Amino acid sequence: MSHEAFVFISYAATAAVLLGLLAFTLADGRARKRELAELEAQGIRRRSQAVQGGKS
């Protein structure tokens, strides 16, 4: 294998891993948003959300 082929394969592998991580992160973020929406629909609120008329 030539040096150029090795470098190309290395960059391609790195790009594939980074794209995989990006796809996983985006999919996981969507799943967390969906779970949060379901919890808020059930009346469960975030601790960081300010309580009306009082302290949080």
PDB file of N, CA and C in Angstrom:
ATOM      1  N   MET A   1       0.855  -1.171   0.000  1.00  0.00           N
ATOM      2  CA  MET A   1       0.000   0.000   0.000  1.00  0.00           C
ATOM      3  C   MET A   1       0.900   1.232   0.000  1.00  0.00           C
ATOM      4  N   SER A   2       0.570   2.175  -0.828  1.00  0.00           N
ATOM      5  CA  SER A   2       1.367   3.396  -0.905  1.00  0.00           C
ATOM      6  C   SER A   2       1.013   4.339   0.244  1.00  0.00           C
ATOM      7  N   HIS A   3       1.887   5.275   0.470  1.00  0.00           N
ATOM      8  CA  HIS A   3       1.670   6.243   1.533  1.00  0.00           C
ATOM      9  C   HIS A   3       0.389   7.051   1.282  1.00  0.00           C
ATOM     10  N   GLU A   4       0.146   7.431   0.020  1.00  0.00           N
ATOM     11  CA  GLU A   4      -1.042   8.220  -0.304  1.00  0.00           C
ATOM     12  C   GLU A   4      -2.320   7.439   0.005  1.00  0.00           C
ATOM     13  N   ALA A   5      -2.320   6.149  -0.302  1.00  0.00           N
ATOM     14  CA  ALA A   5      -3.494   5.323  -0.024  1.00  0.00           C
ATOM     15  C   ALA A   5      -3.723   5.216   1.481  1.00  0.00           C
ATOM     16  N   PHE A   6      -2.646   5.032   2.232  1.00  0.00           N
ATOM     17  CA  PHE A   6      -2.758   4.961   3.688  1.00  0.00           C
ATOM     18  C   PHE A   6      -3.350   6.248   4.251  1.00  0.00           C
ATOM     19  N   VAL A   7      -2.869   7.375   3.791  1.00  0.00           N
ATOM     20  CA  VAL A   7      -3.364   8.660   4.278  1.00  0.00           C
ATOM     21  C   VAL A   7      -4.831   8.830   3.898  1.00  0.00           C
ATOM     22  N   PHE A   8      -5.191   8.499   2.679  1.00  0.00           N
ATOM     23  CA  PHE A   8      -6.579   8.626   2.238  1.00  0.00           C
ATOM     24  C   PHE A   8      -7.500   7.739   3.078  1.00  0.00           C
ATOM     25  N   ILE A   9      -7.098   6.498   3.291  1.00  0.00           N
ATOM     26  CA  ILE A   9      -7.919   5.574   4.094  1.00  0.00           C
ATOM     27  C   ILE A   9      -8.039   6.081   5.534  1.00  0.00           C
ATOM     28  N   SER A  10      -6.975   6.625   6.073  1.00  0.00           N
ATOM     29  CA  SER A  10      -7.008   7.163   7.441  1.00  0.00           C
ATOM     30  C   SER A  10      -7.984   8.337   7.559  1.00  0.00           C
ATOM     31  N   TYR A  11      -7.907   9.250   6.586  1.00  0.00           N
ATOM     32  CA  TYR A  11      -8.838  10.383   6.599  1.00  0.00           C
ATOM     33  C   TYR A  11     -10.278   9.913   6.398  1.00  0.00           C
ATOM     34  N   ALA A  12     -10.495   8.951   5.524  1.00  0.00           N
ATOM     35  CA  ALA A  12     -11.844   8.437   5.278  1.00  0.00           C
ATOM     36  C   ALA A  12     -12.404   7.766   6.529  1.00  0.00           C
ATOM     37  N   ALA A  13     -11.568   6.989   7.216  1.00  0.00           N
ATOM     38  CA  ALA A  13     -12.015   6.335   8.450  1.00  0.00           C
ATOM     39  C   ALA A  13     -12.355   7.365   9.519  1.00  0.00           C
ATOM     40  N   THR A  14     -11.529   8.391   9.638  1.00  0.00           N
ATOM     41  CA  THR A  14     -11.784   9.450  10.615  1.00  0.00           C
ATOM     42  C   THR A  14     -13.083  10.183  10.298  1.00  0.00           C
ATOM     43  N   ALA A  15     -13.300  10.493   9.021  1.00  0.00           N
ATOM     44  CA  ALA A  15     -14.537  11.167   8.614  1.00  0.00           C
ATOM     45  C   ALA A  15     -15.745  10.287   8.911  1.00  0.00           C
ATOM     46  N   ALA A  16     -15.633   8.984   8.672  1.00  0.00           N
ATOM     47  CA  ALA A  16     -16.753   8.072   8.937  1.00  0.00           C
ATOM     48  C   ALA A  16     -17.078   8.033  10.427  1.00  0.00           C
ATOM     49  N   VAL A  17     -16.057   7.985  11.263  1.00  0.00           N
ATOM     50  CA  VAL A  17     -16.277   7.966  12.715  1.00  0.00           C
ATOM     51  C   VAL A  17     -16.920   9.271  13.167  1.00  0.00           C
ATOM     52  N   LEU A  18     -16.426  10.397  12.681  1.00  0.00           N
ATOM     53  CA  LEU A  18     -16.998  11.690  13.072  1.00  0.00           C
ATOM     54  C   LEU A  18     -18.443  11.831  12.614  1.00  0.00           C
ATOM     55  N   LEU A  19     -18.739  11.384  11.401  1.00  0.00           N
ATOM     56  CA  LEU A  19     -20.119  11.432  10.920  1.00  0.00           C
ATOM     57  C   LEU A  19     -21.020  10.520  11.747  1.00  0.00           C
ATOM     58  N   GLY A  20     -20.504   9.365  12.126  1.00  0.00           N
ATOM     59  CA  GLY A  20     -21.275   8.459  12.989  1.00  0.00           C
ATOM     60  C   GLY A  20     -21.568   9.083  14.338  1.00  0.00           C
ATOM     61  N   LEU A  21     -20.564   9.726  14.933  1.00  0.00           N
ATOM     62  CA  LEU A  21     -20.779  10.406  16.211  1.00  0.00           C
ATOM     63  C   LEU A  21     -21.783  11.543  16.082  1.00  0.00           C
ATOM     64  N   LEU A  22     -21.706  12.290  14.996  1.00  0.00           N
ATOM     65  CA  LEU A  22     -22.649  13.382  14.765  1.00  0.00           C
ATOM     66  C   LEU A  22     -24.069  12.841  14.627  1.00  0.00           C
ATOM     67  N   ALA A  23     -24.235  11.774  13.849  1.00  0.00           N
ATOM     68  CA  ALA A  23     -25.558  11.176  13.662  1.00  0.00           C
ATOM     69  C   ALA A  23     -26.107  10.660  14.987  1.00  0.00           C
ATOM     70  N   PHE A  24     -25.265   9.998  15.779  1.00  0.00           N
ATOM     71  CA  PHE A  24     -25.706   9.486  17.073  1.00  0.00           C
ATOM     72  C   PHE A  24     -26.122  10.633  17.996  1.00  0.00           C
ATOM     73  N   THR A  25     -25.337  11.699  18.021  1.00  0.00           N
ATOM     74  CA  THR A  25     -25.638  12.842  18.883  1.00  0.00           C
ATOM     75  C   THR A  25     -26.957  13.502  18.493  1.00  0.00           C
ATOM     76  N   LEU A  26     -27.175  13.682  17.206  1.00  0.00           N
ATOM     77  CA  LEU A  26     -28.430  14.290  16.748  1.00  0.00           C
ATOM     78  C   LEU A  26     -29.626  13.394  17.063  1.00  0.00           C
ATOM     79  N   ALA A  27     -29.490  12.096  16.830  1.00  0.00           N
ATOM     80  CA  ALA A  27     -30.585  11.166  17.118  1.00  0.00           C
ATOM     81  C   ALA A  27     -30.874  11.123  18.614  1.00  0.00           C
ATOM     82  N   ASP A  28     -29.841  11.126  19.431  1.00  0.00           N
ATOM     83  CA  ASP A  28     -30.030  11.094  20.874  1.00  0.00           C
ATOM     84  C   ASP A  28     -30.684  12.382  21.363  1.00  0.00           C
ATOM     85  N   GLY A  29     -30.294  13.517  20.792  1.00  0.00           N
ATOM     86  CA  GLY A  29     -30.916  14.789  21.169  1.00  0.00           C
ATOM     87  C   GLY A  29     -32.403  14.814  20.852  1.00  0.00           C
ATOM     88  N   ARG A  30     -32.756  14.277  19.697  1.00  0.00           N
ATOM     89  CA  ARG A  30     -34.180  14.210  19.339  1.00  0.00           C
ATOM     90  C   ARG A  30     -34.933  13.304  20.304  1.00  0.00           C
ATOM     91  N   ALA A  31     -34.322  12.185  20.679  1.00  0.00           N
ATOM     92  CA  ALA A  31     -34.974  11.265  21.618  1.00  0.00           C
ATOM     93  C   ALA A  31     -35.171  11.928  22.973  1.00  0.00           C
ATOM     94  N   ARG A  32     -34.166  12.675  23.463  1.00  0.00           N
ATOM     95  CA  ARG A  32     -34.305  13.357  24.755  1.00  0.00           C
ATOM     96  C   ARG A  32     -35.392  14.429  24.685  1.00  0.00           C
ATOM     97  N   LYS A  33     -35.476  15.165  23.571  1.00  0.00           N
ATOM     98  CA  LYS A  33     -36.533  16.174  23.423  1.00  0.00           C
ATOM     99  C   LYS A  33     -37.910  15.519  23.437  1.00  0.00           C
ATOM    100  N   ARG A  34     -38.018  14.374  22.768  1.00  0.00           N
ATOM    101  CA  ARG A  34     -39.289  13.645  22.741  1.00  0.00           C
ATOM    102  C   ARG A  34     -39.667  13.189  24.153  1.00  0.00           C
ATOM    103  N   GLU A  35     -38.702  12.656  24.897  1.00  0.00           N
ATOM    104  CA  GLU A  35     -38.969  12.227  26.266  1.00  0.00           C
ATOM    105  C   GLU A  35     -39.358  13.404  27.148  1.00  0.00           C
ATOM    106  N   LEU A  36     -38.676  14.532  26.976  1.00  0.00           N
ATOM    107  CA  LEU A  36     -38.997  15.716  27.756  1.00  0.00           C
ATOM    108  C   LEU A  36     -40.409  16.205  27.453  1.00  0.00           C
ATOM    109  N   ALA A  37     -40.797  16.190  26.191  1.00  0.00           N
ATOM    110  CA  ALA A  37     -42.152  16.606  25.814  1.00  0.00           C
ATOM    111  C   ALA A  37     -43.196  15.680  26.433  1.00  0.00           C
ATOM    112  N   GLU A  38     -42.911  14.377  26.450  1.00  0.00           N
ATOM    113  CA  GLU A  38     -43.847  13.430  27.067  1.00  0.00           C
ATOM    114  C   GLU A  38     -43.986  13.689  28.566  1.00  0.00           C
ATOM    115  N   LEU A  39     -42.862  13.944  29.231  1.00  0.00           N
ATOM    116  CA  LEU A  39     -42.912  14.222  30.667  1.00  0.00           C
ATOM    117  C   LEU A  39     -43.657  15.523  30.949  1.00  0.00           C
ATOM    118  N   GLU A  40     -43.410  16.556  30.155  1.00  0.00           N
ATOM    119  CA  GLU A  40     -44.110  17.819  30.363  1.00  0.00           C
ATOM    120  C   GLU A  40     -45.597  17.680  30.076  1.00  0.00           C
ATOM    121  N   ALA A  41     -45.974  16.825  29.132  1.00  0.00           N
ATOM    122  CA  ALA A  41     -47.391  16.581  28.852  1.00  0.00           C
ATOM    123  C   ALA A  41     -48.065  15.897  30.035  1.00  0.00           C
ATOM    124  N   GLN A  42     -47.297  15.148  30.819  1.00  0.00           N
ATOM    125  CA  GLN A  42     -47.836  14.478  32.014  1.00  0.00           C
ATOM    126  C   GLN A  42     -47.859  15.415  33.221  1.00  0.00           C
ATOM    127  N   GLY A  43     -47.351  16.621  33.050  1.00  0.00           N
ATOM    128  CA  GLY A  43     -47.352  17.585  34.140  1.00  0.00           C
ATOM    129  C   GLY A  43     -46.059  17.612  34.928  1.00  0.00           C
ATOM    130  N   ILE A  44     -45.087  16.841  34.517  1.00  0.00           N
ATOM    131  CA  ILE A  44     -43.796  16.831  35.204  1.00  0.00           C
ATOM    132  C   ILE A  44     -42.947  17.937  34.606  1.00  0.00           C
ATOM    133  N   ARG A  45     -42.470  18.826  35.451  1.00  0.00           N
ATOM    134  CA  ARG A  45     -41.706  19.978  34.992  1.00  0.00           C
ATOM    135  C   ARG A  45     -40.238  19.828  35.360  1.00  0.00           C
ATOM    136  N   ARG A  46     -39.398  20.602  34.680  1.00  0.00           N
ATOM    137  CA  ARG A  46     -37.969  20.611  34.963  1.00  0.00           C
ATOM    138  C   ARG A  46     -37.692  21.364  36.245  1.00  0.00           C
ATOM    139  N   ARG A  47     -36.682  20.917  36.995  1.00  0.00           N
ATOM    140  CA  ARG A  47     -36.299  21.613  38.222  1.00  0.00           C
ATOM    141  C   ARG A  47     -35.786  23.014  37.917  1.00  0.00           C
ATOM    142  N   SER A  48     -35.185  23.173  36.749  1.00  0.00           N
ATOM    143  CA  SER A  48     -34.624  24.484  36.398  1.00  0.00           C
ATOM    144  C   SER A  48     -35.693  25.491  35.979  1.00  0.00           C
ATOM    145  N   GLN A  49     -36.918  25.010  35.750  1.00  0.00           N
ATOM    146  CA  GLN A  49     -37.996  25.894  35.337  1.00  0.00           C
ATOM    147  C   GLN A  49     -38.505  26.668  36.547  1.00  0.00           C
ATOM    148  N   ALA A  50     -38.622  27.980  36.424  1.00  0.00           N
ATOM    149  CA  ALA A  50     -39.061  28.824  37.546  1.00  0.00           C
ATOM    150  C   ALA A  50     -40.511  28.520  37.911  1.00  0.00           C
ATOM    151  N   VAL A  51     -40.766  28.494  39.206  1.00  0.00           N
ATOM    152  CA  VAL A  51     -42.123  28.283  39.703  1.00  0.00           C
ATOM    153  C   VAL A  51     -42.810  29.638  39.753  1.00  0.00           C
ATOM    154  N   GLN A  52     -44.040  29.709  39.262  1.00  0.00           N
ATOM    155  CA  GLN A  52     -44.762  30.977  39.258  1.00  0.00           C
ATOM    156  C   GLN A  52     -45.203  31.317  40.676  1.00  0.00           C
ATOM    157  N   GLY A  53     -44.942  32.564  41.090  1.00  0.00           N
ATOM    158  CA  GLY A  53     -45.382  33.034  42.396  1.00  0.00           C
ATOM    159  C   GLY A  53     -44.502  32.585  43.548  1.00  0.00           C
ATOM    160  N   GLY A  54     -43.349  32.069  43.285  1.00  0.00           N
ATOM    161  CA  GLY A  54     -42.475  31.622  44.379  1.00  0.00           C
ATOM    162  C   GLY A  54     -41.065  31.391  43.901  1.00  0.00           C
ATOM    163  N   LYS A  55     -40.292  30.836  44.782  1.00  0.00           N
ATOM    164  CA  LYS A  55     -38.916  30.539  44.423  1.00  0.00           C
ATOM    165  C   LYS A  55     -38.869  29.210  43.685  1.00  0.00           C
ATOM    166  N   SER A  56     -37.797  29.032  42.912  1.00  0.00           N
ATOM    167  CA  SER A  56     -37.654  27.765  42.188  1.00  0.00           C
ATOM    168  C   SER A  56     -36.924  26.740  43.004  1.00  0.00           C
TER     169      SER A  56
END
